[in-house]
Amino acid sequence: MPELQPSPWWSPDRHADRRPFLIARNRITTAVRAWFEARDFVEVETPALQVSPGNEAHLHAFATEAIGPGGGRSPLYLRTSPEFAAKKLLAAGEIRTFELARVWRNRERGPLHHPEFTLLEWYRVGETYETLMADCAGLLAVAAEAAGTDVLSFRGLSIDPLADPQRLTLAEAFDRFAKIDLLATVEADGATDRDALAAAAAGIAVRVAPDDTWADVFSRVLVEKIEPRLGRERATILCDYPVSEAALARPKAADPRVAERFELYACGVELANCFGELTDPAEQRRRFEIEMAEKTRVYGERYPVDEDFLTALARMPDASGGALGLDRLVMLAAGASHIEQVLWAPVAEAP
């Protein structure tokens, strides 16, 4: 006898189980909007259809095409983030913006991943990325208050959302949790020593394949040895990424081996990714080409560069920007264990 399949999300009993999480989502969304508006941010709406979905090697987009009145066809993509359009608005003169943006990423599905999700993205012109660290701490507190809880929790871990986040650089994290001198494998110009990092990783029983790049080894150590240790008891801000792992962030003035990038973790879950924004179009193009060369090598495809974005980047003022997974924040504040519990209408899963 074939195994019975779970009831669909719209069955009344299943919806009744999910509804408390969904009502919490609404309260959190309302509170987040109010938090930004109280700080003189303008809520914006940017298009979901883009000529480029982004140029990061391991982000995968949904492709479509536009058909003109005369029948001409041109490729378009559903955005993986609103970043390019949001930065064009900064070039146009906006100072503080935020968007609760619906975004799409292919090849992603699981307890913390969904092909369609909501990304909270915000920008501050003329302000440092340290300001975004304070923003992230504030958003944790706002979400908890809106959900009526004094803890954020996931898979048996919980944190105090009102506690100041711990700050930890990537170099400190690799040393503390993996006993690896990360920056010894990064040159002053950002070039990386794959063999040195691979040898160090192999020495702590992290698998290294012959065709792994430095970035592959870096990611595997991060996922296996470091991320599970982050965001325990209080949130963790993991900062100062090697510049090769921060394609849209500017290098730190004090140490060009690392970039003004940080990620926010709570209960072992990555919640946010924030930058001091790169505004050099020539350098940005160079980094995009590196990313697309890697995408071609690994996946046999590449995405176009948004030339309009690079033109706007030359006029964009110094700024900092952050992106936070709203669905994940709701999960932690509402006590959900799977992202589909906090989505009003999840996307059907392919067989």
Protein backbone atom coordinates (compact mmCIF):
# COMPACT_ATOMS: atom_id res chain seq x y z
CA MET A 1 0.00 0.00 0.00
CA PRO A 2 1.53 3.37 -0.97
CA GLU A 3 2.50 5.73 1.84
CA LEU A 4 0.01 8.53 2.41
CA GLN A 5 1.30 11.97 1.51
CA PRO A 6 1.00 14.85 4.00
CA SER A 7 -2.08 16.99 3.62
CA PRO A 8 -1.59 20.22 1.63
CA TRP A 9 -0.96 23.49 3.45
CA TRP A 10 -4.53 24.64 2.76
CA SER A 11 -6.23 21.77 4.57
CA PRO A 12 -8.17 23.34 7.50
CA ASP A 13 -6.46 21.30 10.23
CA ARG A 14 -2.98 21.99 8.92
CA HIS A 15 -3.75 25.68 8.44
CA ALA A 16 -5.10 25.86 12.01
CA ASP A 17 -1.75 24.54 13.29
CA ARG A 18 0.18 27.14 11.28
CA ARG A 19 -2.11 30.10 11.88
CA PRO A 20 -0.53 31.29 15.18
CA PHE A 21 2.83 31.56 13.40
CA LEU A 22 1.23 33.47 10.53
CA ILE A 23 -0.49 35.96 12.83
CA ALA A 24 2.86 36.48 14.57
CA ARG A 25 4.37 37.13 11.14
CA ASN A 26 1.84 39.89 10.52
CA ARG A 27 2.57 41.52 13.87
CA ILE A 28 6.32 41.37 13.27
CA THR A 29 6.02 42.83 9.77
CA THR A 30 3.92 45.72 11.10
CA ALA A 31 6.44 46.37 13.89
CA VAL A 32 9.41 46.28 11.50
CA ARG A 33 7.76 48.85 9.22
CA ALA A 34 7.06 51.11 12.18
CA TRP A 35 10.65 50.74 13.42
CA PHE A 36 12.09 51.94 10.11
CA GLU A 37 9.56 54.71 9.62
CA ALA A 38 10.35 56.07 13.10
CA ARG A 39 13.97 56.43 11.93
CA ASP A 40 13.11 58.42 8.79
CA PHE A 41 13.44 55.56 6.33
CA VAL A 42 11.32 55.59 3.19
CA GLU A 43 9.68 52.32 2.18
CA VAL A 44 10.34 51.61 -1.50
CA GLU A 45 9.16 49.06 -4.05
CA THR A 46 11.55 47.80 -6.70
CA PRO A 47 10.78 45.47 -9.64
CA ALA A 48 10.90 41.71 -9.32
CA LEU A 49 11.94 41.34 -12.97
CA GLN A 50 15.56 42.26 -13.67
CA VAL A 51 17.98 42.02 -16.58
CA SER A 52 20.43 40.38 -14.16
CA PRO A 53 19.47 38.42 -11.04
CA GLY A 54 22.83 39.15 -9.43
CA ASN A 55 26.33 37.89 -10.13
CA GLU A 56 27.24 35.59 -7.28
CA ALA A 57 28.56 32.20 -8.31
CA HIS A 58 26.36 30.07 -6.07
CA LEU A 59 23.07 31.97 -6.30
CA HIS A 60 20.62 30.46 -8.79
CA ALA A 61 17.80 32.39 -10.39
CA PHE A 62 14.47 31.68 -12.05
CA ALA A 63 14.64 32.71 -15.71
CA THR A 64 11.86 34.04 -17.93
CA GLU A 65 11.62 36.34 -20.95
CA ALA A 66 9.91 39.53 -22.02
CA ILE A 67 8.00 39.58 -25.29
CA GLY A 68 7.72 43.03 -26.84
CA PRO A 69 4.70 44.39 -28.78
CA GLY A 70 6.46 43.44 -32.01
CA GLY A 71 7.23 39.92 -30.83
CA GLY A 72 10.86 40.53 -29.94
CA ARG A 73 12.14 38.51 -27.01
CA SER A 74 14.69 39.32 -24.32
CA PRO A 75 15.73 37.32 -21.24
CA LEU A 76 14.69 38.46 -17.78
CA TYR A 77 15.11 36.98 -14.31
CA LEU A 78 13.22 37.02 -11.06
CA ARG A 79 15.45 38.90 -8.64
CA THR A 80 17.46 37.03 -6.02
CA SER A 81 17.55 40.31 -4.06
CA PRO A 82 16.44 43.92 -4.62
CA GLU A 83 20.02 45.16 -4.25
CA PHE A 84 20.74 46.51 -7.73
CA ALA A 85 17.52 48.52 -7.98
CA ALA A 86 17.84 49.76 -4.39
CA LYS A 87 21.31 51.13 -5.08
CA LYS A 88 20.05 52.88 -8.20
CA LEU A 89 17.61 54.69 -5.91
CA LEU A 90 20.56 55.82 -3.78
CA ALA A 91 22.23 57.14 -6.93
CA ALA A 92 18.97 58.99 -7.64
CA GLY A 93 19.17 60.79 -4.29
CA GLU A 94 17.38 58.66 -1.69
CA ILE A 95 19.11 58.67 1.71
CA ARG A 96 17.48 55.95 3.81
CA THR A 97 15.40 53.23 2.22
CA PHE A 98 13.93 49.89 3.19
CA GLU A 99 11.95 47.25 1.35
CA LEU A 100 10.16 44.07 2.35
CA ALA A 101 10.99 42.41 -0.95
CA ARG A 102 9.69 39.14 -2.28
CA VAL A 103 12.67 37.35 -3.86
CA TRP A 104 13.32 34.04 -5.60
CA ARG A 105 16.24 31.61 -5.46
CA ASN A 106 16.38 28.34 -7.33
CA ARG A 107 17.92 25.09 -6.05
CA GLU A 108 17.03 26.03 -2.45
CA ARG A 109 14.51 24.15 -0.31
CA GLY A 110 14.57 22.91 3.28
CA PRO A 111 13.71 23.88 6.87
CA LEU A 112 15.44 27.27 6.44
CA HIS A 113 15.15 27.69 2.66
CA HIS A 114 12.21 28.28 0.32
CA PRO A 115 12.30 29.14 -3.40
CA GLU A 116 10.22 32.28 -2.75
CA PHE A 117 10.80 34.28 0.42
CA THR A 118 10.86 37.79 1.89
CA LEU A 119 14.07 39.74 2.21
CA LEU A 120 14.17 42.89 4.35
CA GLU A 121 16.73 45.13 2.72
CA TRP A 122 17.73 48.57 3.96
CA TYR A 123 20.32 51.26 3.17
CA ARG A 124 21.89 54.22 4.96
CA VAL A 125 23.75 56.84 2.93
CA GLY A 126 26.79 58.34 4.65
CA GLU A 127 26.67 55.91 7.59
CA THR A 128 29.05 53.10 8.46
CA TYR A 129 28.35 49.41 8.51
CA GLU A 130 28.79 49.48 12.29
CA THR A 131 25.48 51.38 12.34
CA LEU A 132 23.89 48.36 10.68
CA MET A 133 25.13 46.21 13.56
CA ALA A 134 23.02 48.33 15.90
CA ASP A 135 20.11 48.06 13.45
CA CYS A 136 20.32 44.27 13.55
CA ALA A 137 20.27 44.23 17.35
CA GLY A 138 17.25 46.53 17.30
CA LEU A 139 15.37 44.32 14.84
CA LEU A 140 15.85 41.25 17.04
CA ALA A 141 14.27 43.10 19.94
CA VAL A 142 11.43 44.43 17.78
CA ALA A 143 10.57 40.96 16.49
CA ALA A 144 10.55 39.43 19.95
CA GLU A 145 8.36 42.19 21.38
CA ALA A 146 5.89 41.90 18.48
CA ALA A 147 5.71 38.14 18.95
CA GLY A 148 5.19 38.51 22.70
CA THR A 149 8.28 36.57 23.70
CA ASP A 150 11.51 37.20 25.59
CA VAL A 151 13.54 34.55 23.74
CA LEU A 152 14.37 33.63 20.17
CA SER A 153 14.60 29.87 19.69
CA PHE A 154 15.37 27.18 17.10
CA ARG A 155 16.13 23.47 17.43
CA GLY A 156 16.70 23.54 21.15
CA LEU A 157 18.81 26.69 21.16
CA SER A 158 17.60 30.02 22.53
CA ILE A 159 18.99 33.51 22.91
CA ASP A 160 18.07 36.69 24.72
CA PRO A 161 17.00 39.12 21.95
CA LEU A 162 17.75 42.12 24.19
CA ALA A 163 21.38 41.17 24.89
CA ASP A 164 24.09 43.02 22.98
CA PRO A 165 25.33 40.77 20.16
CA GLN A 166 28.79 39.24 20.42
CA ARG A 167 31.23 40.55 17.77
CA LEU A 168 33.65 38.09 16.27
CA THR A 169 35.87 38.52 13.21
CA LEU A 170 36.30 35.67 10.74
CA ALA A 171 39.95 35.46 11.74
CA GLU A 172 39.00 35.14 15.41
CA ALA A 173 36.32 32.55 14.63
CA PHE A 174 38.66 30.38 12.53
CA ASP A 175 41.28 30.53 15.28
CA ARG A 176 38.84 29.84 18.14
CA PHE A 177 36.75 27.08 16.58
CA ALA A 178 39.03 25.55 13.94
CA LYS A 179 42.57 26.47 15.09
CA ILE A 180 43.30 27.90 11.63
CA ASP A 181 45.18 31.14 10.93
CA LEU A 182 42.84 32.30 8.18
CA LEU A 183 44.57 35.54 7.25
CA ALA A 184 47.87 33.74 6.80
CA THR A 185 46.25 32.33 3.63
CA VAL A 186 45.21 35.78 2.31
CA GLU A 187 47.65 38.16 0.61
CA ALA A 188 47.67 41.95 0.96
CA ASP A 189 45.99 42.28 -2.45
CA GLY A 190 43.27 39.78 -1.52
CA ALA A 191 44.79 36.83 -3.36
CA THR A 192 44.35 33.53 -1.54
CA ASP A 193 46.58 30.50 -0.90
CA ARG A 194 44.41 27.48 -1.59
CA ASP A 195 47.00 24.85 -0.65
CA ALA A 196 47.76 26.42 2.73
CA LEU A 197 44.09 26.56 3.70
CA ALA A 198 43.46 23.05 2.37
CA ALA A 199 46.32 21.64 4.46
CA ALA A 200 45.02 23.37 7.57
CA ALA A 201 41.48 22.10 6.94
CA ALA A 202 42.66 18.54 6.35
CA GLY A 203 44.51 18.75 9.66
CA ILE A 204 41.19 19.18 11.52
CA ALA A 205 39.43 16.39 9.58
CA VAL A 206 37.55 18.63 7.15
CA ARG A 207 37.21 16.89 3.81
CA VAL A 208 39.11 18.53 0.95
CA ALA A 209 38.64 17.44 -2.67
CA PRO A 210 41.44 17.81 -5.23
CA ASP A 211 39.42 20.32 -7.27
CA ASP A 212 38.30 22.43 -4.30
CA THR A 213 39.13 26.11 -4.53
CA TRP A 214 40.16 28.27 -1.59
CA ALA A 215 36.54 29.48 -1.40
CA ASP A 216 35.26 25.88 -1.30
CA VAL A 217 37.52 25.01 1.62
CA PHE A 218 36.68 28.27 3.40
CA SER A 219 32.95 27.57 3.10
CA ARG A 220 33.28 23.99 4.31
CA VAL A 221 35.22 24.99 7.43
CA LEU A 222 32.73 27.78 8.08
CA VAL A 223 29.70 25.49 7.78
CA GLU A 224 31.13 22.52 9.66
CA LYS A 225 33.22 24.08 12.41
CA ILE A 226 32.04 27.64 12.97
CA GLU A 227 28.39 28.34 12.13
CA PRO A 228 26.98 25.76 14.58
CA ARG A 229 28.82 27.60 17.39
CA LEU A 230 27.38 31.03 16.61
CA GLY A 231 24.42 32.81 18.15
CA ARG A 232 24.23 30.86 21.41
CA GLU A 233 22.74 32.67 24.43
CA ARG A 234 23.08 35.93 22.49
CA ALA A 235 23.32 36.86 18.83
CA THR A 236 26.69 36.83 17.06
CA ILE A 237 27.91 39.37 14.52
CA LEU A 238 30.53 37.61 12.38
CA CYS A 239 32.51 40.37 10.65
CA ASP A 240 35.53 41.27 8.52
CA TYR A 241 35.21 38.63 5.80
CA PRO A 242 38.17 38.04 3.48
CA VAL A 243 37.70 40.40 0.55
CA SER A 244 37.32 37.49 -1.88
CA GLU A 245 34.18 36.47 0.05
CA ALA A 246 32.54 39.90 -0.14
CA ALA A 247 31.88 40.65 -3.80
CA LEU A 248 29.77 43.76 -3.14
CA ALA A 249 31.57 45.17 -0.09
CA ARG A 250 34.43 47.65 0.10
CA PRO A 251 37.80 46.66 1.64
CA LYS A 252 38.55 47.85 5.17
CA ALA A 253 40.91 50.81 5.21
CA ALA A 254 42.88 49.34 8.11
CA ASP A 255 43.39 45.93 6.44
CA PRO A 256 42.61 45.49 2.72
CA ARG A 257 42.71 41.70 3.11
CA VAL A 258 39.25 41.90 4.64
CA ALA A 259 36.04 43.67 3.70
CA GLU A 260 33.33 45.64 5.47
CA ARG A 261 30.95 42.68 5.59
CA PHE A 262 29.23 41.01 8.51
CA GLU A 263 26.59 38.36 9.01
CA LEU A 264 24.16 38.11 11.94
CA TYR A 265 23.56 34.73 13.57
CA ALA A 266 21.02 33.71 16.19
CA CYS A 267 20.52 30.14 17.48
CA GLY A 268 23.00 28.93 14.87
CA VAL A 269 20.88 30.45 12.07
CA GLU A 270 22.21 33.03 9.62
CA LEU A 271 19.74 35.93 9.66
CA ALA A 272 21.38 38.89 7.93
CA ASN A 273 24.18 39.85 5.55
CA CYS A 274 25.40 43.48 5.65
CA PHE A 275 28.01 45.58 3.83
CA GLY A 276 29.85 48.81 3.68
CA GLU A 277 29.00 49.17 0.01
CA LEU A 278 31.52 49.07 -2.81
CA THR A 279 31.02 52.08 -5.12
CA ASP A 280 33.87 51.58 -7.60
CA PRO A 281 32.25 50.36 -10.86
CA ALA A 282 35.51 49.09 -12.38
CA GLU A 283 36.31 47.02 -9.29
CA GLN A 284 32.71 45.82 -9.12
CA ARG A 285 32.86 44.67 -12.76
CA ARG A 286 36.11 42.81 -12.05
CA ARG A 287 34.54 40.99 -9.11
CA PHE A 288 31.42 40.12 -11.10
CA GLU A 289 33.59 38.60 -13.82
CA ILE A 290 35.42 36.48 -11.25
CA GLU A 291 32.11 35.27 -9.82
CA MET A 292 30.68 34.45 -13.25
CA ALA A 293 33.84 32.61 -14.28
CA GLU A 294 33.41 30.44 -11.19
CA LYS A 295 29.70 29.91 -11.97
CA THR A 296 30.62 28.81 -15.47
CA ARG A 297 33.25 26.41 -14.11
CA VAL A 298 30.94 24.80 -11.55
CA TYR A 299 27.48 25.00 -13.16
CA GLY A 300 28.12 25.63 -16.84
CA GLU A 301 26.12 28.88 -16.95
CA ARG A 302 26.50 32.58 -16.25
CA TYR A 303 24.23 35.61 -15.80
CA PRO A 304 24.57 38.93 -17.60
CA VAL A 305 25.96 41.99 -15.87
CA ASP A 306 23.49 44.83 -15.29
CA GLU A 307 25.33 47.61 -17.12
CA ASP A 308 22.78 50.15 -15.91
CA PHE A 309 23.69 49.20 -12.33
CA LEU A 310 27.40 49.77 -12.93
CA THR A 311 26.64 53.16 -14.47
CA ALA A 312 24.54 54.12 -11.44
CA LEU A 313 27.24 52.84 -9.08
CA ALA A 314 29.58 55.58 -10.30
CA ARG A 315 27.08 58.15 -8.97
CA MET A 316 26.11 56.31 -5.80
CA PRO A 317 27.30 57.98 -2.57
CA ASP A 318 29.06 56.11 0.22
CA ALA A 319 26.49 53.94 1.95
CA SER A 320 25.93 50.82 4.02
CA GLY A 321 23.26 48.24 3.37
CA GLY A 322 21.81 45.15 4.95
CA ALA A 323 19.62 42.21 3.97
CA LEU A 324 17.75 40.16 6.58
CA GLY A 325 15.65 37.05 6.01
CA LEU A 326 12.28 38.08 7.42
CA ASP A 327 10.88 34.55 7.35
CA ARG A 328 13.77 33.24 9.44
CA LEU A 329 13.40 36.07 11.93
CA VAL A 330 9.71 35.22 12.27
CA MET A 331 10.59 31.56 12.76
CA LEU A 332 12.88 32.32 15.69
CA ALA A 333 10.49 34.80 17.29
CA ALA A 334 7.41 32.60 16.88
CA GLY A 335 9.15 29.33 17.77
CA ALA A 336 8.60 27.65 14.39
CA SER A 337 10.76 24.75 13.25
CA HIS A 338 10.26 24.97 9.47
CA ILE A 339 10.07 27.97 7.16
CA GLU A 340 6.78 26.78 5.62
CA GLN A 341 5.10 27.25 8.99
CA VAL A 342 5.54 31.02 8.64
CA LEU A 343 4.56 31.35 4.95
CA TRP A 344 0.88 32.04 4.26
CA ALA A 345 0.92 30.02 1.03
CA PRO A 346 4.05 27.93 0.42
CA VAL A 347 5.15 27.13 -3.12
CA ALA A 348 4.34 23.58 -4.23
CA GLU A 349 7.33 21.24 -4.16
CA ALA A 350 8.46 19.56 -7.35
CA PRO A 351 8.14 15.73 -7.28
